[in-house]
């Protein structure tokens, strides 16, 4: 078996094992249900109806919750890279033949499973508790699965870049959270974009979160909801195209950044990082 193929195989196995191991820890189990519970609680208590569409505002808000969970991939990847850079996991991976390839495959699989669990819990709860929130037939199911996959792939590489560029994993999480909240405000994921200033709507369309929201609304909200879109249409080809551009750029840049970061790692750097982490703990 070729070394690269073996690295991919081992990475897949490691990703599945890590997912199962982490899924039994109280902190991870809490993380699975926390965000879904928050969004479900807010959406279920919202009674606003969008004029002219007959769509309950809670359903619109819930699609924003699903989009935010997908965007949370950015935070998860940044936190994972930063933490495992600090504890020496990346250094150990670098020492193995094609170790960074196996590491990337394993972490990608683990994070995809983690995101999938939270998404399933959110979708099942929303379908039961939130009025007007439903998968719009088989075409809606295909759109939902497609834009969930595109959303994760469009954001994960940039989480890896952020985690590689910051030496403090807590700083990486803070920067990622600020970025997500800022993008949520200008991307129209929680409220129609037409209530935003014109400049904010233009800025939002540059980033993937806006287009993830478009795809999810097309999959999960009634057709009448399209009247609240900025252009009066779903713009699904454009949404998929923009996300593909972000995916291609991200997967071209992220491996290069990770390799540069891994080359700089050494035992002394890991020791220094551990000392800084212990000082922060105290």
C-alpha atoms as a PDB file:
ATOM      1  CA  UNK A   1       0.000   0.000   0.000  1.00  0.00           C
ATOM      2  CA  UNK A   2       1.303   3.453  -0.902  1.00  0.00           C
ATOM      3  CA  UNK A   3       2.315   5.607   2.107  1.00  0.00           C
ATOM      4  CA  UNK A   4      -0.146   8.362   1.196  1.00  0.00           C
ATOM      5  CA  UNK A   5      -3.001   5.860   0.826  1.00  0.00           C
ATOM      6  CA  UNK A   6      -2.112   4.300   4.148  1.00  0.00           C
ATOM      7  CA  UNK A   7      -2.073   7.752   5.762  1.00  0.00           C
ATOM      8  CA  UNK A   8      -5.578   8.443   4.456  1.00  0.00           C
ATOM      9  CA  UNK A   9      -6.816   5.053   5.703  1.00  0.00           C
ATOM     10  CA  UNK A  10      -5.322   5.610   9.148  1.00  0.00           C
ATOM     11  CA  UNK A  11      -6.689   9.157   9.204  1.00  0.00           C
ATOM     12  CA  UNK A  12     -10.207   7.893   8.507  1.00  0.00           C
ATOM     13  CA  UNK A  13      -9.896   5.305  11.272  1.00  0.00           C
ATOM     14  CA  UNK A  14      -8.503   7.875  13.700  1.00  0.00           C
ATOM     15  CA  UNK A  15     -11.270  10.346  12.890  1.00  0.00           C
ATOM     16  CA  UNK A  16     -13.967   7.771  13.653  1.00  0.00           C
ATOM     17  CA  UNK A  17     -12.246   6.685  16.882  1.00  0.00           C
ATOM     18  CA  UNK A  18     -11.829  10.296  18.041  1.00  0.00           C
ATOM     19  CA  UNK A  19     -15.481  11.014  17.308  1.00  0.00           C
ATOM     20  CA  UNK A  20     -16.643   8.010  19.341  1.00  0.00           C
ATOM     21  CA  UNK A  21     -14.260   8.837  22.191  1.00  0.00           C
ATOM     22  CA  UNK A  22     -15.249  12.489  22.420  1.00  0.00           C
ATOM     23  CA  UNK A  23     -18.942  11.665  22.114  1.00  0.00           C
ATOM     24  CA  UNK A  24     -18.826   9.954  25.513  1.00  0.00           C
ATOM     25  CA  UNK A  25     -17.416  12.968  27.378  1.00  0.00           C
ATOM     26  CA  UNK A  26     -19.841  15.223  29.304  1.00  0.00           C
ATOM     27  CA  UNK A  27     -18.439  18.399  27.740  1.00  0.00           C
ATOM     28  CA  UNK A  28     -18.944  17.139  24.190  1.00  0.00           C
ATOM     29  CA  UNK A  29     -22.441  15.861  24.943  1.00  0.00           C
ATOM     30  CA  UNK A  30     -23.319  19.266  26.386  1.00  0.00           C
ATOM     31  CA  UNK A  31     -21.975  20.915  23.238  1.00  0.00           C
ATOM     32  CA  UNK A  32     -24.195  18.716  21.057  1.00  0.00           C
ATOM     33  CA  UNK A  33     -27.376  19.941  22.735  1.00  0.00           C
ATOM     34  CA  UNK A  34     -26.506  23.489  23.878  1.00  0.00           C
ATOM     35  CA  UNK A  35     -26.775  25.441  20.621  1.00  0.00           C
ATOM     36  CA  UNK A  36     -29.741  23.407  19.306  1.00  0.00           C
ATOM     37  CA  UNK A  37     -31.571  23.971  22.611  1.00  0.00           C
ATOM     38  CA  UNK A  38     -30.856  27.722  22.540  1.00  0.00           C
ATOM     39  CA  UNK A  39     -32.080  28.208  18.980  1.00  0.00           C
ATOM     40  CA  UNK A  40     -35.097  25.950  19.462  1.00  0.00           C
ATOM     41  CA  UNK A  41     -36.083  27.788  22.630  1.00  0.00           C
ATOM     42  CA  UNK A  42     -35.838  31.215  20.978  1.00  0.00           C
ATOM     43  CA  UNK A  43     -37.573  30.134  17.770  1.00  0.00           C
ATOM     44  CA  UNK A  44     -40.389  28.307  19.552  1.00  0.00           C
ATOM     45  CA  UNK A  45     -41.173  31.431  21.596  1.00  0.00           C
ATOM     46  CA  UNK A  46     -41.166  33.771  18.559  1.00  0.00           C
ATOM     47  CA  UNK A  47     -44.604  34.641  17.156  1.00  0.00           C
ATOM     48  CA  UNK A  48     -43.759  37.315  14.559  1.00  0.00           C
ATOM     49  CA  UNK A  49     -45.259  36.783  11.090  1.00  0.00           C
ATOM     50  CA  UNK A  50     -43.584  38.228   8.004  1.00  0.00           C
ATOM     51  CA  UNK A  51     -46.034  40.470   6.161  1.00  0.00           C
ATOM     52  CA  UNK A  52     -47.140  39.274   2.757  1.00  0.00           C
ATOM     53  CA  UNK A  53     -45.577  35.825   2.997  1.00  0.00           C
ATOM     54  CA  UNK A  54     -47.564  34.046   5.688  1.00  0.00           C
ATOM     55  CA  UNK A  55     -44.278  32.732   7.049  1.00  0.00           C
ATOM     56  CA  UNK A  56     -43.846  32.537  10.798  1.00  0.00           C
ATOM     57  CA  UNK A  57     -40.781  34.490  11.902  1.00  0.00           C
ATOM     58  CA  UNK A  58     -39.775  31.553  14.088  1.00  0.00           C
ATOM     59  CA  UNK A  59     -39.190  29.415  10.988  1.00  0.00           C
ATOM     60  CA  UNK A  60     -36.947  32.088   9.451  1.00  0.00           C
ATOM     61  CA  UNK A  61     -35.068  32.404  12.731  1.00  0.00           C
ATOM     62  CA  UNK A  62     -34.637  28.637  12.910  1.00  0.00           C
ATOM     63  CA  UNK A  63     -33.025  28.477   9.472  1.00  0.00           C
ATOM     64  CA  UNK A  64     -30.598  31.085  10.799  1.00  0.00           C
ATOM     65  CA  UNK A  65     -29.872  28.770  13.715  1.00  0.00           C
ATOM     66  CA  UNK A  66     -29.036  25.941  11.315  1.00  0.00           C
ATOM     67  CA  UNK A  67     -26.782  28.282   9.318  1.00  0.00           C
ATOM     68  CA  UNK A  68     -25.039  29.391  12.514  1.00  0.00           C
ATOM     69  CA  UNK A  69     -24.419  25.764  13.505  1.00  0.00           C
ATOM     70  CA  UNK A  70     -22.780  25.190  10.125  1.00  0.00           C
ATOM     71  CA  UNK A  71     -20.729  28.352  10.587  1.00  0.00           C
ATOM     72  CA  UNK A  72     -19.679  27.047  13.999  1.00  0.00           C
ATOM     73  CA  UNK A  73     -17.403  24.698  12.026  1.00  0.00           C
ATOM     74  CA  UNK A  74     -15.060  27.674  11.667  1.00  0.00           C
ATOM     75  CA  UNK A  75     -14.798  27.967  15.443  1.00  0.00           C
ATOM     76  CA  UNK A  76     -14.410  24.221  16.018  1.00  0.00           C
ATOM     77  CA  UNK A  77     -11.582  23.886  13.514  1.00  0.00           C
ATOM     78  CA  UNK A  78      -9.752  26.965  14.810  1.00  0.00           C
ATOM     79  CA  UNK A  79     -10.024  25.715  18.394  1.00  0.00           C
ATOM     80  CA  UNK A  80      -8.895  22.194  17.489  1.00  0.00           C
ATOM     81  CA  UNK A  81      -5.873  23.339  15.485  1.00  0.00           C
ATOM     82  CA  UNK A  82      -4.836  25.823  18.165  1.00  0.00           C
ATOM     83  CA  UNK A  83      -5.192  23.335  21.020  1.00  0.00           C
ATOM     84  CA  UNK A  84      -3.421  20.459  19.272  1.00  0.00           C
ATOM     85  CA  UNK A  85      -0.647  22.751  18.149  1.00  0.00           C
ATOM     86  CA  UNK A  86      -0.169  23.700  21.797  1.00  0.00           C
ATOM     87  CA  UNK A  87      -0.240  20.147  23.226  1.00  0.00           C
ATOM     88  CA  UNK A  88       2.144  18.655  20.653  1.00  0.00           C
ATOM     89  CA  UNK A  89      -0.323  16.614  18.600  1.00  0.00           C
ATOM     90  CA  UNK A  90       0.653  18.407  15.385  1.00  0.00           C
ATOM     91  CA  UNK A  91       4.340  17.897  16.117  1.00  0.00           C
ATOM     92  CA  UNK A  92       3.797  14.151  16.503  1.00  0.00           C
ATOM     93  CA  UNK A  93       1.785  14.039  13.288  1.00  0.00           C
ATOM     94  CA  UNK A  94       4.541  15.874  11.424  1.00  0.00           C
ATOM     95  CA  UNK A  95       7.070  13.232  12.496  1.00  0.00           C
ATOM     96  CA  UNK A  96       5.173  10.461  10.660  1.00  0.00           C
ATOM     97  CA  UNK A  97       5.327   9.780   6.899  1.00  0.00           C
ATOM     98  CA  UNK A  98       2.471  11.786   5.369  1.00  0.00           C
ATOM     99  CA  UNK A  99       1.416  12.504   8.926  1.00  0.00           C
ATOM    100  CA  UNK A 100      -0.139  15.887   8.141  1.00  0.00           C
ATOM    101  CA  UNK A 101      -2.267  14.273   5.433  1.00  0.00           C
ATOM    102  CA  UNK A 102      -3.546  11.655   7.858  1.00  0.00           C
ATOM    103  CA  UNK A 103      -4.104  14.296  10.518  1.00  0.00           C
ATOM    104  CA  UNK A 104      -6.113  16.498   8.148  1.00  0.00           C
ATOM    105  CA  UNK A 105      -8.271  13.592   6.967  1.00  0.00           C
ATOM    106  CA  UNK A 106      -8.923  12.397  10.514  1.00  0.00           C
ATOM    107  CA  UNK A 107      -9.830  15.813  11.889  1.00  0.00           C
ATOM    108  CA  UNK A 108     -12.050  16.566   8.901  1.00  0.00           C
ATOM    109  CA  UNK A 109     -13.990  13.342   9.426  1.00  0.00           C
ATOM    110  CA  UNK A 110     -14.312  13.897  13.176  1.00  0.00           C
ATOM    111  CA  UNK A 111     -15.586  17.452  12.749  1.00  0.00           C
ATOM    112  CA  UNK A 112     -18.022  16.425  10.023  1.00  0.00           C
ATOM    113  CA  UNK A 113     -19.549  13.794  12.319  1.00  0.00           C
ATOM    114  CA  UNK A 114     -19.661  16.280  15.197  1.00  0.00           C
ATOM    115  CA  UNK A 115     -21.424  18.883  13.052  1.00  0.00           C
ATOM    116  CA  UNK A 116     -23.809  16.257  11.687  1.00  0.00           C
ATOM    117  CA  UNK A 117     -24.966  15.244  15.180  1.00  0.00           C
ATOM    118  CA  UNK A 118     -25.769  18.844  16.165  1.00  0.00           C
ATOM    119  CA  UNK A 119     -27.499  19.468  12.840  1.00  0.00           C
ATOM    120  CA  UNK A 120     -29.671  16.361  13.113  1.00  0.00           C
ATOM    121  CA  UNK A 121     -30.711  17.255  16.671  1.00  0.00           C
ATOM    122  CA  UNK A 122     -31.536  20.795  15.566  1.00  0.00           C
ATOM    123  CA  UNK A 123     -33.499  19.756  12.483  1.00  0.00           C
ATOM    124  CA  UNK A 124     -35.524  17.078  14.271  1.00  0.00           C
ATOM    125  CA  UNK A 125     -36.385  19.448  17.105  1.00  0.00           C
ATOM    126  CA  UNK A 126     -37.314  22.260  14.714  1.00  0.00           C
ATOM    127  CA  UNK A 127     -39.525  20.035  12.571  1.00  0.00           C
ATOM    128  CA  UNK A 128     -41.481  19.095  15.698  1.00  0.00           C
ATOM    129  CA  UNK A 129     -41.578  22.416  17.564  1.00  0.00           C
ATOM    130  CA  UNK A 130     -41.359  25.253  15.012  1.00  0.00           C
ATOM    131  CA  UNK A 131     -44.352  26.079  12.837  1.00  0.00           C
ATOM    132  CA  UNK A 132     -43.681  26.672   9.140  1.00  0.00           C
ATOM    133  CA  UNK A 133     -40.294  24.946   9.312  1.00  0.00           C
ATOM    134  CA  UNK A 134     -40.266  21.883   7.067  1.00  0.00           C
ATOM    135  CA  UNK A 135     -38.212  20.267   4.345  1.00  0.00           C
ATOM    136  CA  UNK A 136     -39.738  21.331   1.024  1.00  0.00           C
ATOM    137  CA  UNK A 137     -40.109  17.911  -0.601  1.00  0.00           C
ATOM    138  CA  UNK A 138     -37.347  15.874  -2.216  1.00  0.00           C
ATOM    139  CA  UNK A 139     -35.863  18.947  -3.858  1.00  0.00           C
ATOM    140  CA  UNK A 140     -35.692  20.589  -0.439  1.00  0.00           C
ATOM    141  CA  UNK A 141     -33.966  17.536   1.012  1.00  0.00           C
ATOM    142  CA  UNK A 142     -31.362  17.631  -1.756  1.00  0.00           C
ATOM    143  CA  UNK A 143     -30.824  21.365  -1.266  1.00  0.00           C
ATOM    144  CA  UNK A 144     -30.513  20.905   2.493  1.00  0.00           C
ATOM    145  CA  UNK A 145     -27.905  18.156   2.267  1.00  0.00           C
ATOM    146  CA  UNK A 146     -26.033  19.927  -0.527  1.00  0.00           C
ATOM    147  CA  UNK A 147     -25.808  23.321   1.154  1.00  0.00           C
ATOM    148  CA  UNK A 148     -24.924  21.772   4.515  1.00  0.00           C
ATOM    149  CA  UNK A 149     -21.974  20.033   2.848  1.00  0.00           C
ATOM    150  CA  UNK A 150     -20.986  23.147   0.891  1.00  0.00           C
ATOM    151  CA  UNK A 151     -21.246  25.266   4.031  1.00  0.00           C
ATOM    152  CA  UNK A 152     -18.965  23.043   6.092  1.00  0.00           C
ATOM    153  CA  UNK A 153     -16.424  22.768   3.280  1.00  0.00           C
ATOM    154  CA  UNK A 154     -16.505  26.523   2.645  1.00  0.00           C
ATOM    155  CA  UNK A 155     -15.757  27.438   6.271  1.00  0.00           C
ATOM    156  CA  UNK A 156     -13.562  24.639   7.658  1.00  0.00           C
ATOM    157  CA  UNK A 157     -10.351  25.624   5.774  1.00  0.00           C
ATOM    158  CA  UNK A 158     -10.521  29.163   7.127  1.00  0.00           C
ATOM    159  CA  UNK A 159     -10.839  27.820  10.651  1.00  0.00           C
ATOM    160  CA  UNK A 160      -7.634  25.868  10.016  1.00  0.00           C
ATOM    161  CA  UNK A 161      -5.926  29.028   8.731  1.00  0.00           C
ATOM    162  CA  UNK A 162      -7.038  31.007  11.773  1.00  0.00           C
ATOM    163  CA  UNK A 163      -5.924  28.267  14.168  1.00  0.00           C
ATOM    164  CA  UNK A 164      -2.536  28.112  12.441  1.00  0.00           C
ATOM    165  CA  UNK A 165      -1.904  31.852  12.572  1.00  0.00           C
ATOM    166  CA  UNK A 166      -2.659  32.329  16.278  1.00  0.00           C
ATOM    167  CA  UNK A 167      -0.452  30.909  19.032  1.00  0.00           C
ATOM    168  CA  UNK A 168      -3.210  31.034  21.647  1.00  0.00           C
ATOM    169  CA  UNK A 169      -6.216  28.731  21.019  1.00  0.00           C
ATOM    170  CA  UNK A 170      -8.402  30.938  23.191  1.00  0.00           C
ATOM    171  CA  UNK A 171      -7.559  33.904  21.000  1.00  0.00           C
ATOM    172  CA  UNK A 172      -8.435  31.842  17.919  1.00  0.00           C
ATOM    173  CA  UNK A 173     -11.840  31.009  19.410  1.00  0.00           C
ATOM    174  CA  UNK A 174     -12.466  34.643  20.361  1.00  0.00           C
ATOM    175  CA  UNK A 175     -11.564  35.918  16.884  1.00  0.00           C
ATOM    176  CA  UNK A 176     -13.686  33.216  15.231  1.00  0.00           C
ATOM    177  CA  UNK A 177     -16.679  34.016  17.436  1.00  0.00           C
ATOM    178  CA  UNK A 178     -16.427  37.755  16.736  1.00  0.00           C
ATOM    179  CA  UNK A 179     -16.194  37.005  13.010  1.00  0.00           C
ATOM    180  CA  UNK A 180     -19.234  34.699  13.118  1.00  0.00           C
ATOM    181  CA  UNK A 181     -21.379  37.156  15.064  1.00  0.00           C
ATOM    182  CA  UNK A 182     -20.380  40.029  12.762  1.00  0.00           C
ATOM    183  CA  UNK A 183     -21.139  38.020   9.637  1.00  0.00           C
ATOM    184  CA  UNK A 184     -24.458  36.882  11.116  1.00  0.00           C
ATOM    185  CA  UNK A 185     -25.521  40.517  11.496  1.00  0.00           C
ATOM    186  CA  UNK A 186     -24.795  41.472   7.869  1.00  0.00           C
ATOM    187  CA  UNK A 187     -25.754  38.183   6.197  1.00  0.00           C
ATOM    188  CA  UNK A 188     -29.485  38.175   6.907  1.00  0.00           C
ATOM    189  CA  UNK A 189     -29.477  34.734   8.478  1.00  0.00           C
ATOM    190  CA  UNK A 190     -31.637  35.712  11.473  1.00  0.00           C
ATOM    191  CA  UNK A 191     -33.756  38.445   9.853  1.00  0.00           C
ATOM    192  CA  UNK A 192     -34.501  39.529   6.255  1.00  0.00           C
ATOM    193  CA  UNK A 193     -31.625  41.361   4.630  1.00  0.00           C
ATOM    194  CA  UNK A 194     -33.927  44.116   3.342  1.00  0.00           C
ATOM    195  CA  UNK A 195     -34.097  45.678   6.824  1.00  0.00           C
ATOM    196  CA  UNK A 196     -30.318  46.187   6.809  1.00  0.00           C
ATOM    197  CA  UNK A 197     -28.518  49.246   5.410  1.00  0.00           C
ATOM    198  CA  UNK A 198     -27.665  48.824   1.735  1.00  0.00           C
ATOM    199  CA  UNK A 199     -23.914  48.713   2.419  1.00  0.00           C
ATOM    200  CA  UNK A 200     -24.349  45.930   4.980  1.00  0.00           C
ATOM    201  CA  UNK A 201     -26.279  43.821   2.492  1.00  0.00           C
ATOM    202  CA  UNK A 202     -23.518  44.247  -0.091  1.00  0.00           C
ATOM    203  CA  UNK A 203     -20.823  43.291   2.425  1.00  0.00           C
ATOM    204  CA  UNK A 204     -22.798  40.220   3.493  1.00  0.00           C
ATOM    205  CA  UNK A 205     -23.015  38.846  -0.053  1.00  0.00           C
ATOM    206  CA  UNK A 206     -19.225  38.628  -0.252  1.00  0.00           C
ATOM    207  CA  UNK A 207     -19.037  36.009   2.501  1.00  0.00           C
ATOM    208  CA  UNK A 208     -20.233  32.394   2.503  1.00  0.00           C
ATOM    209  CA  UNK A 209     -22.644  32.693   5.445  1.00  0.00           C
ATOM    210  CA  UNK A 210     -25.073  34.785   3.375  1.00  0.00           C
ATOM    211  CA  UNK A 211     -25.236  32.155   0.636  1.00  0.00           C
ATOM    212  CA  UNK A 212     -25.500  29.286   3.112  1.00  0.00           C
ATOM    213  CA  UNK A 213     -28.565  31.056   4.512  1.00  0.00           C
ATOM    214  CA  UNK A 214     -30.061  31.431   1.028  1.00  0.00           C
ATOM    215  CA  UNK A 215     -29.703  27.714   0.326  1.00  0.00           C
ATOM    216  CA  UNK A 216     -31.156  26.693   3.682  1.00  0.00           C
ATOM    217  CA  UNK A 217     -34.152  29.012   3.332  1.00  0.00           C
ATOM    218  CA  UNK A 218     -34.869  27.583  -0.125  1.00  0.00           C
ATOM    219  CA  UNK A 219     -34.783  24.090   1.385  1.00  0.00           C
ATOM    220  CA  UNK A 220     -36.723  24.709   4.591  1.00  0.00           C
ATOM    221  CA  UNK A 221     -39.172  27.598   4.067  1.00  0.00           C
ATOM    222  CA  UNK A 222     -42.315  27.913   1.903  1.00  0.00           C
ATOM    223  CA  UNK A 223     -41.990  29.326  -1.598  1.00  0.00           C
ATOM    224  CA  UNK A 224     -43.739  32.539  -0.499  1.00  0.00           C
ATOM    225  CA  UNK A 225     -40.665  33.330   1.585  1.00  0.00           C
ATOM    226  CA  UNK A 226     -38.741  34.183  -1.588  1.00  0.00           C
ATOM    227  CA  UNK A 227     -40.520  37.568  -1.611  1.00  0.00           C
ATOM    228  CA  UNK A 228     -38.319  38.653   1.305  1.00  0.00           C
ATOM    229  CA  UNK A 229     -35.082  37.879  -0.518  1.00  0.00           C
ATOM    230  CA  UNK A 230     -33.069  40.870  -1.713  1.00  0.00           C
ATOM    231  CA  UNK A 231     -33.604  40.034  -5.402  1.00  0.00           C
ATOM    232  CA  UNK A 232     -36.969  38.293  -5.105  1.00  0.00           C
ATOM    233  CA  UNK A 233     -35.441  34.933  -6.064  1.00  0.00           C
ATOM    234  CA  UNK A 234     -33.381  32.238  -4.353  1.00  0.00           C
ATOM    235  CA  UNK A 235     -30.337  32.657  -6.640  1.00  0.00           C
ATOM    236  CA  UNK A 236     -29.323  29.055  -5.982  1.00  0.00           C
ATOM    237  CA  UNK A 237     -26.793  28.731  -8.848  1.00  0.00           C
ATOM    238  CA  UNK A 238     -25.075  31.906  -7.679  1.00  0.00           C
ATOM    239  CA  UNK A 239     -25.147  30.680  -4.072  1.00  0.00           C
ATOM    240  CA  UNK A 240     -23.515  27.377  -5.003  1.00  0.00           C
ATOM    241  CA  UNK A 241     -20.975  29.160  -7.211  1.00  0.00           C
ATOM    242  CA  UNK A 242     -19.867  31.594  -4.512  1.00  0.00           C
ATOM    243  CA  UNK A 243     -19.505  28.770  -1.988  1.00  0.00           C
ATOM    244  CA  UNK A 244     -17.452  26.755  -4.484  1.00  0.00           C
ATOM    245  CA  UNK A 245     -15.087  29.703  -4.929  1.00  0.00           C
ATOM    246  CA  UNK A 246     -14.605  29.916  -1.160  1.00  0.00           C
ATOM    247  CA  UNK A 247     -14.024  26.152  -1.015  1.00  0.00           C
ATOM    248  CA  UNK A 248     -11.402  26.158  -3.773  1.00  0.00           C
ATOM    249  CA  UNK A 249      -9.521  29.139  -2.339  1.00  0.00           C
ATOM    250  CA  UNK A 250      -9.696  27.728   1.179  1.00  0.00           C
ATOM    251  CA  UNK A 251      -8.374  24.295   0.260  1.00  0.00           C
ATOM    252  CA  UNK A 252      -5.578  25.846  -1.785  1.00  0.00           C
ATOM    253  CA  UNK A 253      -4.443  28.177   0.996  1.00  0.00           C
ATOM    254  CA  UNK A 254      -5.108  26.112   4.146  1.00  0.00           C
ATOM    255  CA  UNK A 255      -2.718  23.186   3.393  1.00  0.00           C
ATOM    256  CA  UNK A 256       0.061  25.650   2.565  1.00  0.00           C
ATOM    257  CA  UNK A 257      -0.494  27.531   5.837  1.00  0.00           C
ATOM    258  CA  UNK A 258      -0.652  24.265   7.807  1.00  0.00           C
ATOM    259  CA  UNK A 259       2.593  23.010   6.255  1.00  0.00           C
ATOM    260  CA  UNK A 260       4.376  26.274   7.067  1.00  0.00           C
ATOM    261  CA  UNK A 261       3.077  26.145  10.614  1.00  0.00           C
ATOM    262  CA  UNK A 262       4.081  22.488  11.027  1.00  0.00           C
ATOM    263  CA  UNK A 263       7.619  23.171   9.758  1.00  0.00           C
ATOM    264  CA  UNK A 264       8.066  25.778  12.476  1.00  0.00           C
ATOM    265  CA  UNK A 265       6.937  23.432  15.237  1.00  0.00           C
ATOM    266  CA  UNK A 266       9.583  21.861  17.461  1.00  0.00           C
ATOM    267  CA  UNK A 267       9.841  20.323  20.886  1.00  0.00           C
ATOM    268  CA  UNK A 268      11.030  23.586  22.408  1.00  0.00           C
ATOM    269  CA  UNK A 269       8.121  25.519  20.889  1.00  0.00           C
ATOM    270  CA  UNK A 270       5.642  22.969  22.258  1.00  0.00           C
ATOM    271  CA  UNK A 271       7.229  23.211  25.713  1.00  0.00           C
ATOM    272  CA  UNK A 272       6.962  27.002  25.611  1.00  0.00           C
ATOM    273  CA  UNK A 273       3.327  26.758  24.544  1.00  0.00           C
ATOM    274  CA  UNK A 274       2.568  24.363  27.395  1.00  0.00           C
ATOM    275  CA  UNK A 275       4.198  26.723  29.877  1.00  0.00           C
ATOM    276  CA  UNK A 276       2.101  29.614  28.578  1.00  0.00           C
ATOM    277  CA  UNK A 277      -1.019  27.471  28.866  1.00  0.00           C
ATOM    278  CA  UNK A 278      -0.177  26.579  32.471  1.00  0.00           C
ATOM    279  CA  UNK A 279       0.404  30.241  33.290  1.00  0.00           C
ATOM    280  CA  UNK A 280      -2.994  31.135  31.816  1.00  0.00           C
ATOM    281  CA  UNK A 281      -4.583  28.369  33.881  1.00  0.00           C
ATOM    282  CA  UNK A 282      -3.170  29.829  37.075  1.00  0.00           C
END
